[in-house]
Amino acid sequence: MIPLEYELLLSAVLFCIGLYGVLARRNGIIVLMSIEIILNASILNFVAFSSYSGDAIGQVFALLGIAVAAAEAAVGLAILLAIYQTHGTIELDKIRFLKW
């Protein structure tokens, strides 16, 4: 059995990588992928604590998190496609929503 500390360390590393991607990158696709990495880090925490405690509640929350991640990816890509059609780019710095 893998110790809980290793799983939590992996989850923290994934979260930090995702957070760096959200804060440092300006491409919309990379920001969406970084958000997915953050969600996967939280799902890993749910599964790790569920395995550690022997309760299945964490795995149920993990399945719910996977469903939320899939919905977020679909909606995020639809929004990015709409932005690309109107502005011609998905660079988040170049898009001005409040300008005419």
C-alpha atoms as a PDB file:
ATOM      1  CA  MET A   1       0.000   0.000   0.000  1.00  0.00           C
ATOM      2  CA  ILE A   2       1.260   3.471  -0.890  1.00  0.00           C
ATOM      3  CA  PRO A   3       1.654   5.759   2.136  1.00  0.00           C
ATOM      4  CA  LEU A   4      -0.780   8.642   2.396  1.00  0.00           C
ATOM      5  CA  GLU A   5       2.056  11.183   2.475  1.00  0.00           C
ATOM      6  CA  TYR A   6       3.236  10.187  -1.022  1.00  0.00           C
ATOM      7  CA  GLU A   7      -0.220  10.593  -2.481  1.00  0.00           C
ATOM      8  CA  LEU A   8      -0.675  13.964  -0.800  1.00  0.00           C
ATOM      9  CA  LEU A   9       2.743  15.091  -2.011  1.00  0.00           C
ATOM     10  CA  LEU A  10       1.861  14.106  -5.586  1.00  0.00           C
ATOM     11  CA  SER A  11      -1.429  15.947  -5.267  1.00  0.00           C
ATOM     12  CA  ALA A  12       0.326  19.069  -3.972  1.00  0.00           C
ATOM     13  CA  VAL A  13       2.809  18.959  -6.867  1.00  0.00           C
ATOM     14  CA  LEU A  14      -0.026  18.613  -9.387  1.00  0.00           C
ATOM     15  CA  PHE A  15      -1.879  21.490  -7.761  1.00  0.00           C
ATOM     16  CA  CYS A  16       1.207  23.729  -7.905  1.00  0.00           C
ATOM     17  CA  ILE A  17       1.798  22.878 -11.569  1.00  0.00           C
ATOM     18  CA  GLY A  18      -1.824  23.698 -12.377  1.00  0.00           C
ATOM     19  CA  LEU A  19      -1.729  26.916 -10.392  1.00  0.00           C
ATOM     20  CA  TYR A  20       1.430  28.010 -12.199  1.00  0.00           C
ATOM     21  CA  GLY A  21      -0.262  27.302 -15.526  1.00  0.00           C
ATOM     22  CA  VAL A  22      -3.318  29.364 -14.620  1.00  0.00           C
ATOM     23  CA  LEU A  23      -1.341  32.331 -13.296  1.00  0.00           C
ATOM     24  CA  ALA A  24       1.569  32.456 -15.748  1.00  0.00           C
ATOM     25  CA  ARG A  25       0.120  31.441 -19.100  1.00  0.00           C
ATOM     26  CA  ARG A  26      -2.071  33.594 -21.293  1.00  0.00           C
ATOM     27  CA  ASN A  27      -3.283  31.023 -23.822  1.00  0.00           C
ATOM     28  CA  GLY A  28      -6.887  30.003 -23.177  1.00  0.00           C
ATOM     29  CA  ILE A  29      -6.332  26.320 -23.958  1.00  0.00           C
ATOM     30  CA  ILE A  30      -3.385  26.061 -21.569  1.00  0.00           C
ATOM     31  CA  VAL A  31      -5.397  27.782 -18.831  1.00  0.00           C
ATOM     32  CA  LEU A  32      -8.190  25.230 -19.302  1.00  0.00           C
ATOM     33  CA  MET A  33      -5.694  22.358 -19.162  1.00  0.00           C
ATOM     34  CA  SER A  34      -4.202  23.822 -15.984  1.00  0.00           C
ATOM     35  CA  ILE A  35      -7.637  23.996 -14.388  1.00  0.00           C
ATOM     36  CA  GLU A  36      -8.090  20.322 -15.283  1.00  0.00           C
ATOM     37  CA  ILE A  37      -4.792  19.525 -13.527  1.00  0.00           C
ATOM     38  CA  ILE A  38      -6.001  21.362 -10.420  1.00  0.00           C
ATOM     39  CA  LEU A  39      -9.259  19.394 -10.468  1.00  0.00           C
ATOM     40  CA  ASN A  40      -7.322  16.137 -10.861  1.00  0.00           C
ATOM     41  CA  ALA A  41      -5.203  17.058  -7.834  1.00  0.00           C
ATOM     42  CA  SER A  42      -8.326  17.497  -5.733  1.00  0.00           C
ATOM     43  CA  ILE A  43      -9.759  14.217  -7.035  1.00  0.00           C
ATOM     44  CA  LEU A  44      -6.525  12.477  -6.059  1.00  0.00           C
ATOM     45  CA  ASN A  45      -6.923  13.888  -2.533  1.00  0.00           C
ATOM     46  CA  PHE A  46     -10.456  12.509  -2.312  1.00  0.00           C
ATOM     47  CA  VAL A  47      -9.332   9.053  -3.420  1.00  0.00           C
ATOM     48  CA  ALA A  48      -6.269   9.071  -1.136  1.00  0.00           C
ATOM     49  CA  PHE A  49      -8.259   9.943   1.968  1.00  0.00           C
ATOM     50  CA  SER A  50     -10.986   7.488   0.980  1.00  0.00           C
ATOM     51  CA  SER A  51      -8.432   4.734   0.675  1.00  0.00           C
ATOM     52  CA  TYR A  52      -6.754   5.737   3.940  1.00  0.00           C
ATOM     53  CA  SER A  53      -9.980   5.794   5.954  1.00  0.00           C
ATOM     54  CA  GLY A  54     -11.560   2.768   4.269  1.00  0.00           C
ATOM     55  CA  ASP A  55     -14.721   4.697   3.419  1.00  0.00           C
ATOM     56  CA  ALA A  56     -16.232   4.913  -0.056  1.00  0.00           C
ATOM     57  CA  ILE A  57     -17.525   8.485   0.291  1.00  0.00           C
ATOM     58  CA  GLY A  58     -14.304   9.953  -1.124  1.00  0.00           C
ATOM     59  CA  GLN A  59     -14.616   7.806  -4.224  1.00  0.00           C
ATOM     60  CA  VAL A  60     -18.175   9.022  -4.738  1.00  0.00           C
ATOM     61  CA  PHE A  61     -16.929  12.614  -4.528  1.00  0.00           C
ATOM     62  CA  ALA A  62     -14.160  11.688  -6.981  1.00  0.00           C
ATOM     63  CA  LEU A  63     -16.740  10.480  -9.510  1.00  0.00           C
ATOM     64  CA  LEU A  64     -18.654  13.713  -9.014  1.00  0.00           C
ATOM     65  CA  GLY A  65     -15.420  15.648  -9.550  1.00  0.00           C
ATOM     66  CA  ILE A  66     -14.737  13.781 -12.792  1.00  0.00           C
ATOM     67  CA  ALA A  67     -18.221  14.705 -14.030  1.00  0.00           C
ATOM     68  CA  VAL A  68     -17.650  18.361 -13.115  1.00  0.00           C
ATOM     69  CA  ALA A  69     -14.266  18.323 -14.888  1.00  0.00           C
ATOM     70  CA  ALA A  70     -15.838  16.917 -18.058  1.00  0.00           C
ATOM     71  CA  ALA A  71     -18.593  19.536 -18.018  1.00  0.00           C
ATOM     72  CA  GLU A  72     -16.062  22.302 -17.364  1.00  0.00           C
ATOM     73  CA  ALA A  73     -13.957  21.192 -20.316  1.00  0.00           C
ATOM     74  CA  ALA A  74     -16.939  21.142 -22.662  1.00  0.00           C
ATOM     75  CA  VAL A  75     -18.249  24.546 -21.579  1.00  0.00           C
ATOM     76  CA  GLY A  76     -14.773  26.087 -21.522  1.00  0.00           C
ATOM     77  CA  LEU A  77     -13.987  24.926 -25.046  1.00  0.00           C
ATOM     78  CA  ALA A  78     -17.345  26.228 -26.281  1.00  0.00           C
ATOM     79  CA  ILE A  79     -16.605  29.623 -24.745  1.00  0.00           C
ATOM     80  CA  LEU A  80     -13.128  29.680 -26.278  1.00  0.00           C
ATOM     81  CA  LEU A  81     -14.554  28.835 -29.706  1.00  0.00           C
ATOM     82  CA  ALA A  82     -17.042  31.700 -29.403  1.00  0.00           C
ATOM     83  CA  ILE A  83     -14.238  34.060 -28.354  1.00  0.00           C
ATOM     84  CA  TYR A  84     -12.119  32.930 -31.292  1.00  0.00           C
ATOM     85  CA  GLN A  85     -14.970  33.580 -33.726  1.00  0.00           C
ATOM     86  CA  THR A  86     -15.530  37.120 -32.468  1.00  0.00           C
ATOM     87  CA  HIS A  87     -11.949  38.212 -31.695  1.00  0.00           C
ATOM     88  CA  GLY A  88      -9.811  35.981 -33.916  1.00  0.00           C
ATOM     89  CA  THR A  89      -7.523  34.932 -31.050  1.00  0.00           C
ATOM     90  CA  ILE A  90      -7.611  33.007 -27.793  1.00  0.00           C
ATOM     91  CA  GLU A  91      -4.768  34.915 -26.147  1.00  0.00           C
ATOM     92  CA  LEU A  92      -6.328  36.142 -22.925  1.00  0.00           C
ATOM     93  CA  ASP A  93      -4.267  39.356 -22.848  1.00  0.00           C
ATOM     94  CA  LYS A  94      -5.501  40.481 -26.253  1.00  0.00           C
ATOM     95  CA  ILE A  95      -9.201  40.004 -25.579  1.00  0.00           C
ATOM     96  CA  ARG A  96     -11.105  43.012 -24.286  1.00  0.00           C
ATOM     97  CA  PHE A  97     -14.694  42.125 -23.420  1.00  0.00           C
ATOM     98  CA  LEU A  98     -15.817  45.580 -22.332  1.00  0.00           C
ATOM     99  CA  LYS A  99     -14.495  47.394 -25.402  1.00  0.00           C
ATOM    100  CA  TRP A 100     -16.667  47.863 -28.468  1.00  0.00           C
END
